[in-house]
Protein backbone atom coordinates (compact mmCIF):
# COMPACT_ATOMS: atom_id res chain seq x y z
CA UNK A 1 -32.88 -23.27 -24.07
CA UNK A 2 -31.70 -25.80 -21.52
CA UNK A 3 -33.18 -25.80 -18.05
CA UNK A 4 -30.74 -25.20 -15.23
CA UNK A 5 -30.52 -28.10 -12.76
CA UNK A 6 -32.17 -27.62 -9.44
CA UNK A 7 -29.72 -26.01 -6.99
CA UNK A 8 -31.12 -28.07 -4.10
CA UNK A 9 -30.25 -31.26 -5.94
CA UNK A 10 -26.70 -30.01 -6.57
CA UNK A 11 -26.24 -29.19 -2.89
CA UNK A 12 -27.53 -32.60 -1.89
CA UNK A 13 -25.17 -34.34 -4.33
CA UNK A 14 -22.23 -32.36 -2.96
CA UNK A 15 -23.05 -33.27 0.63
CA UNK A 16 -23.41 -36.92 -0.32
CA UNK A 17 -20.03 -36.95 -2.05
CA UNK A 18 -18.37 -35.50 1.07
CA UNK A 19 -19.76 -38.28 3.23
CA UNK A 20 -17.88 -40.82 1.11
CA UNK A 21 -14.44 -39.51 2.09
CA UNK A 22 -12.58 -41.90 4.39
CA UNK A 23 -10.37 -40.77 7.25
CA UNK A 24 -6.62 -41.11 6.86
CA UNK A 25 -4.87 -43.39 9.33
CA UNK A 26 -1.43 -42.22 10.45
CA UNK A 27 0.88 -43.30 13.20
CA UNK A 28 0.50 -41.45 16.51
CA UNK A 29 4.05 -40.04 16.26
CA UNK A 30 3.68 -38.66 12.74
CA UNK A 31 3.25 -35.06 13.89
CA UNK A 32 6.30 -35.26 16.17
CA UNK A 33 8.49 -36.63 13.38
CA UNK A 34 7.43 -33.97 10.92
CA UNK A 35 8.00 -31.17 13.43
CA UNK A 36 11.45 -32.52 14.35
CA UNK A 37 12.45 -32.71 10.67
CA UNK A 38 11.31 -29.16 10.15
CA UNK A 39 13.38 -28.01 13.12
CA UNK A 40 16.48 -29.81 11.83
CA UNK A 41 16.42 -28.22 8.39
CA UNK A 42 18.66 -25.17 8.12
CA UNK A 43 16.96 -21.94 7.20
CA UNK A 44 18.16 -20.77 3.82
CA UNK A 45 18.69 -17.08 3.45
CA UNK A 46 17.64 -15.78 0.08
CA UNK A 47 20.37 -13.61 -1.33
CA UNK A 48 18.98 -10.74 -3.27
CA UNK A 49 19.23 -7.04 -3.69
CA UNK A 50 18.88 -5.26 -0.42
CA UNK A 51 18.40 -1.57 -1.01
CA UNK A 52 18.07 -0.19 2.48
CA UNK A 53 20.39 -2.37 4.57
CA UNK A 54 22.56 0.65 5.30
CA UNK A 55 19.56 2.63 6.63
CA UNK A 56 20.04 1.59 10.25
CA UNK A 57 18.14 3.20 13.16
CA UNK A 58 21.00 5.65 13.68
CA UNK A 59 20.59 6.97 10.13
CA UNK A 60 16.82 6.87 10.45
CA UNK A 61 16.98 9.15 13.49
CA UNK A 62 19.32 11.55 11.68
CA UNK A 63 17.04 11.61 8.62
CA UNK A 64 14.01 12.26 10.82
CA UNK A 65 15.73 15.18 12.55
CA UNK A 66 16.78 16.66 9.18
CA UNK A 67 13.24 16.23 7.86
CA UNK A 68 11.71 18.00 10.87
CA UNK A 69 14.23 20.86 10.73
CA UNK A 70 13.72 21.32 6.98
CA UNK A 71 9.93 21.36 7.33
CA UNK A 72 10.09 23.80 10.25
CA UNK A 73 12.32 26.11 8.22
CA UNK A 74 9.99 25.92 5.22
CA UNK A 75 6.95 26.58 7.39
CA UNK A 76 8.55 29.57 9.10
CA UNK A 77 9.72 31.06 5.83
CA UNK A 78 6.26 30.55 4.35
CA UNK A 79 4.58 32.52 7.12
CA UNK A 80 7.25 35.22 7.30
CA UNK A 81 6.95 36.03 3.58
CA UNK A 82 4.63 39.05 3.47
CA UNK A 83 4.51 39.24 -0.33
CA UNK A 84 2.90 35.85 -0.80
CA UNK A 85 -0.41 37.36 -1.91
CA UNK A 86 1.30 39.53 -4.50
CA UNK A 87 3.18 36.55 -5.91
CA UNK A 88 -0.01 34.55 -6.28
CA UNK A 89 -1.81 37.46 -7.93
CA UNK A 90 1.08 37.99 -10.36
CA UNK A 91 1.14 34.30 -11.18
CA UNK A 92 -2.61 34.23 -11.77
CA UNK A 93 -2.45 37.34 -13.93
CA UNK A 94 0.42 36.06 -16.06
CA UNK A 95 -1.23 32.71 -16.76
CA UNK A 96 -4.73 34.09 -17.22
CA UNK A 97 -6.16 32.66 -14.02
CA UNK A 98 -7.26 35.92 -12.45
CA UNK A 99 -10.87 36.96 -12.20
CA UNK A 100 -12.13 39.18 -14.98
CA UNK A 101 -15.05 41.58 -15.20
CA UNK A 102 -16.13 40.24 -18.59
CA UNK A 103 -18.46 37.30 -18.96
CA UNK A 104 -16.80 35.84 -22.00
CA UNK A 105 -13.39 34.27 -22.40
CA UNK A 106 -13.17 35.49 -25.99
CA UNK A 107 -11.77 38.86 -24.89
CA UNK A 108 -8.88 37.40 -22.92
CA UNK A 109 -5.44 36.69 -24.36
């Protein structure tokens, strides 16, 4: 089995290699030239599929109002339905989800 090299030696070698990097000499106006070239270039619009371009704020407001009205109607009809408990009990009984008095599931259908 090979011995792993000492981590301290690896760190020291890495730091020594970084000290050998020389600074890059550029003209003082390099940044200004690059920024001016970037400003001159026209911005290209990527043409692609746009699915929701038609969904403007006017339609968003209408959709939000419809959503709120629909949810309010559903909530009111949910609370006004007095037979909700019966429907749940019937559903549970039909699908075998109701509580039984027996301890074993072998007697159920």
